[in-house]
Amino acid sequence: MTNKILIRKQKILERDSISLQKIKAEERKITSLFINSIGELRLKKIGLYFSVKKEIPTSLIFDYLFKLKIKCYLPVINQNLNNRLMNFCEYDLNTTLVKNKFGIPEPLKKFEIDIYELDLVLIPLVAFDKKGYRIGMGKGYYDTTFSRKDSVKNYKIWGICYDFQETDTCYPEEHDLKMDAIIRPSGIQKF
């Protein structure tokens, strides 16, 4: 087994052992940090995710963004699972969601945005290192979508995670996505 696979297994086991009470407490801390840090970003359009399998929830962040009338977009995977590019589609309180093949909610009606129109993208992760690399669930969707070198990157990519998800190295490869920052309960770390 490769080191990435071992790290992924270990961190998922740790994440699965967290109580729902602890998850809610960590979500409140992260939401507070997020709210206190976004003033400098001048957000108009943000990509987010719905948490699954005890990832840090984003519901409080969604609530805050809706109050500010900041447009929110969710990732939508391609029906052809071999195509690892995601589209981002508008989401609001009236959007009907359906679960994709991985059980992740996606907008049913797809009002897509070009990723280069996003100001910030918040992404889940399984592990991260001090250089800003991440290990995800292993399918490569975020890496493929955001590692393209074909245009000037205007958006920031922030991971959302628990403190225990830090690891010495994520063994980055050329195709791996490097984040601009992470938000974890103990603070925001920029790379």
Protein backbone atom coordinates (compact mmCIF):
# COMPACT_ATOMS: atom_id res chain seq x y z
CA MET A 1 0.00 0.00 0.00
CA THR A 2 1.17 3.49 -0.74
CA ASN A 3 1.69 6.09 1.95
CA LYS A 4 -1.33 8.12 0.73
CA ILE A 5 -3.61 5.12 1.07
CA LEU A 6 -2.36 4.43 4.60
CA ILE A 7 -2.81 8.06 5.64
CA ARG A 8 -6.30 8.13 4.12
CA LYS A 9 -7.32 4.97 6.00
CA GLN A 10 -5.94 6.23 9.31
CA LYS A 11 -7.50 9.69 9.07
CA ILE A 12 -10.89 8.34 7.98
CA LEU A 13 -10.87 5.98 10.99
CA GLU A 14 -10.10 8.93 13.27
CA ARG A 15 -12.80 11.03 11.64
CA ASP A 16 -15.38 8.24 11.91
CA SER A 17 -14.81 8.05 15.67
CA ILE A 18 -15.84 11.69 16.30
CA SER A 19 -19.08 12.25 18.17
CA LEU A 20 -21.86 14.34 16.63
CA GLN A 21 -21.55 16.73 19.57
CA LYS A 22 -17.86 17.27 18.80
CA ILE A 23 -18.61 17.78 15.09
CA LYS A 24 -21.14 20.52 15.90
CA ALA A 25 -18.68 22.24 18.26
CA GLU A 26 -15.92 22.15 15.61
CA GLU A 27 -18.33 23.48 12.96
CA ARG A 28 -19.18 26.48 15.19
CA LYS A 29 -15.46 27.28 15.71
CA ILE A 30 -14.70 27.03 12.01
CA THR A 31 -17.72 29.12 11.04
CA SER A 32 -16.63 31.84 13.46
CA LEU A 33 -13.11 31.84 12.01
CA PHE A 34 -14.53 31.95 8.50
CA ILE A 35 -16.83 34.88 9.29
CA ASN A 36 -14.00 36.84 10.91
CA SER A 37 -11.62 36.27 7.98
CA ILE A 38 -13.61 36.81 4.81
CA GLY A 39 -13.91 40.61 4.96
CA GLU A 40 -10.66 41.04 3.05
CA LEU A 41 -11.78 38.68 0.25
CA ARG A 42 -14.80 40.66 -1.04
CA LEU A 43 -16.74 37.54 -1.88
CA LYS A 44 -19.49 37.53 -4.50
CA LYS A 45 -19.43 33.89 -5.62
CA ILE A 46 -18.24 30.96 -3.53
CA GLY A 47 -17.96 27.23 -4.15
CA LEU A 48 -18.78 24.99 -1.20
CA TYR A 49 -19.64 21.39 -0.45
CA PHE A 50 -22.19 19.47 1.57
CA SER A 51 -20.49 17.29 4.14
CA VAL A 52 -20.75 13.52 4.10
CA LYS A 53 -19.28 10.86 6.36
CA LYS A 54 -18.45 13.19 9.27
CA GLU A 55 -16.64 15.83 7.21
CA ILE A 56 -16.83 19.29 8.78
CA PRO A 57 -20.38 20.51 8.08
CA THR A 58 -20.86 23.70 6.10
CA SER A 59 -24.51 24.44 6.96
CA LEU A 60 -23.68 27.38 9.27
CA ILE A 61 -21.40 28.86 6.60
CA PHE A 62 -24.19 28.51 4.03
CA ASP A 63 -26.60 30.28 6.42
CA TYR A 64 -24.16 33.16 6.87
CA LEU A 65 -23.49 33.52 3.13
CA PHE A 66 -27.21 33.49 2.31
CA LYS A 67 -27.76 36.34 4.80
CA LEU A 68 -25.06 38.35 3.00
CA LYS A 69 -26.58 37.47 -0.39
CA ILE A 70 -23.33 35.89 -1.55
CA LYS A 71 -24.00 33.39 -4.34
CA CYS A 72 -23.18 29.79 -3.46
CA TYR A 73 -22.24 26.99 -5.86
CA LEU A 74 -21.98 23.25 -5.29
CA PRO A 75 -19.77 20.80 -7.18
CA VAL A 76 -21.51 18.47 -9.63
CA ILE A 77 -19.65 15.45 -10.95
CA ASN A 78 -19.84 14.36 -14.56
CA GLN A 79 -22.17 11.43 -15.32
CA ASN A 80 -19.16 9.78 -16.96
CA LEU A 81 -17.17 8.88 -13.83
CA ASN A 82 -13.97 8.64 -15.88
CA ASN A 83 -14.22 12.38 -16.53
CA ARG A 84 -12.86 13.84 -13.29
CA LEU A 85 -13.84 17.46 -14.02
CA MET A 86 -16.55 18.93 -11.82
CA ASN A 87 -18.92 21.72 -12.70
CA PHE A 88 -20.13 24.19 -10.09
CA CYS A 89 -23.85 24.92 -10.05
CA GLU A 90 -25.79 27.57 -8.20
CA TYR A 91 -27.39 26.61 -4.90
CA ASP A 92 -29.89 28.52 -2.78
CA LEU A 93 -32.62 27.61 -0.30
CA ASN A 94 -35.05 26.80 -3.14
CA THR A 95 -32.70 24.46 -5.01
CA THR A 96 -33.79 20.84 -5.27
CA LEU A 97 -30.93 18.47 -4.47
CA VAL A 98 -30.36 14.89 -5.57
CA LYS A 99 -27.63 12.51 -4.43
CA ASN A 100 -24.97 11.61 -6.96
CA LYS A 101 -23.36 8.17 -7.35
CA PHE A 102 -21.25 8.80 -4.23
CA GLY A 103 -24.23 9.88 -2.09
CA ILE A 104 -23.28 13.59 -2.22
CA PRO A 105 -26.12 16.12 -2.73
CA GLU A 106 -26.02 18.06 -6.01
CA PRO A 107 -28.39 20.65 -7.52
CA LEU A 108 -31.02 19.01 -9.73
CA LYS A 109 -31.34 22.01 -12.04
CA LYS A 110 -27.89 22.97 -13.10
CA PHE A 111 -27.13 26.70 -13.46
CA GLU A 112 -23.39 26.35 -14.02
CA ILE A 113 -20.64 28.86 -13.44
CA ASP A 114 -17.15 28.81 -14.86
CA ILE A 115 -14.77 28.03 -11.99
CA TYR A 116 -12.75 31.12 -12.89
CA GLU A 117 -15.72 33.27 -11.83
CA LEU A 118 -15.53 31.94 -8.26
CA ASP A 119 -13.82 34.07 -5.62
CA LEU A 120 -13.29 31.29 -3.09
CA VAL A 121 -13.72 27.52 -3.04
CA LEU A 122 -14.08 25.67 0.26
CA ILE A 123 -13.15 22.01 -0.08
CA PRO A 124 -13.25 18.96 2.18
CA LEU A 125 -10.20 16.85 2.85
CA VAL A 126 -9.04 13.75 4.65
CA ALA A 127 -5.50 14.97 5.47
CA PHE A 128 -3.30 18.02 4.87
CA ASP A 129 0.34 18.93 5.35
CA LYS A 130 2.25 22.11 6.26
CA LYS A 131 2.91 22.91 2.59
CA GLY A 132 -0.79 23.10 1.71
CA TYR A 133 -1.25 19.76 -0.01
CA ARG A 134 -4.22 17.56 0.77
CA ILE A 135 -5.35 14.00 0.56
CA GLY A 136 -8.99 13.61 -0.38
CA MET A 137 -11.14 10.54 -0.82
CA GLY A 138 -8.96 9.35 -3.70
CA LYS A 139 -11.09 9.98 -6.78
CA GLY A 140 -9.17 13.09 -7.92
CA TYR A 141 -12.12 15.36 -8.70
CA TYR A 142 -10.84 18.48 -6.93
CA ASP A 143 -7.28 17.88 -8.17
CA THR A 144 -8.41 17.53 -11.78
CA THR A 145 -10.84 20.44 -11.70
CA PHE A 146 -8.57 22.98 -9.98
CA SER A 147 -5.09 21.94 -11.09
CA ARG A 148 -5.66 23.05 -14.67
CA LYS A 149 -2.96 25.41 -15.86
CA ASP A 150 -4.94 26.78 -18.82
CA SER A 151 -5.98 30.10 -17.29
CA VAL A 152 -5.09 32.65 -14.66
CA LYS A 153 -6.38 31.54 -11.27
CA ASN A 154 -8.52 34.27 -9.68
CA TYR A 155 -10.02 32.16 -6.91
CA LYS A 156 -8.63 31.02 -3.57
CA ILE A 157 -8.91 27.43 -2.39
CA TRP A 158 -9.37 26.83 1.32
CA GLY A 159 -9.64 23.42 2.92
CA ILE A 160 -11.93 22.83 5.88
CA CYS A 161 -10.74 20.25 8.37
CA TYR A 162 -10.28 19.03 11.91
CA ASP A 163 -6.98 19.65 13.69
CA PHE A 164 -6.16 15.93 13.83
CA GLN A 165 -6.17 15.72 10.02
CA GLU A 166 -2.70 17.27 9.80
CA THR A 167 0.07 14.91 8.72
CA ASP A 168 3.80 15.38 8.10
CA THR A 169 3.46 15.04 4.35
CA CYS A 170 0.75 14.19 1.85
CA TYR A 171 3.37 12.88 -0.57
CA PRO A 172 2.34 15.36 -3.27
CA GLU A 173 2.56 14.42 -6.90
CA GLU A 174 2.66 16.79 -9.86
CA HIS A 175 -1.13 16.61 -10.39
CA ASP A 176 -2.02 17.28 -6.72
CA LEU A 177 -3.86 20.43 -5.77
CA LYS A 178 -2.16 22.90 -3.43
CA MET A 179 -4.52 24.89 -1.22
CA ASP A 180 -4.13 28.57 -0.39
CA ALA A 181 -5.21 28.05 3.23
CA ILE A 182 -7.03 25.75 5.61
CA ILE A 183 -9.58 26.53 8.29
CA ARG A 184 -9.48 24.24 11.29
CA PRO A 185 -10.84 24.68 14.80
CA SER A 186 -7.53 25.99 16.15
CA GLY A 187 -7.21 28.67 13.44
CA ILE A 188 -6.57 29.57 9.83
CA GLN A 189 -3.28 28.58 8.26
CA LYS A 190 -2.23 30.18 4.97
CA PHE A 191 0.25 28.58 2.60
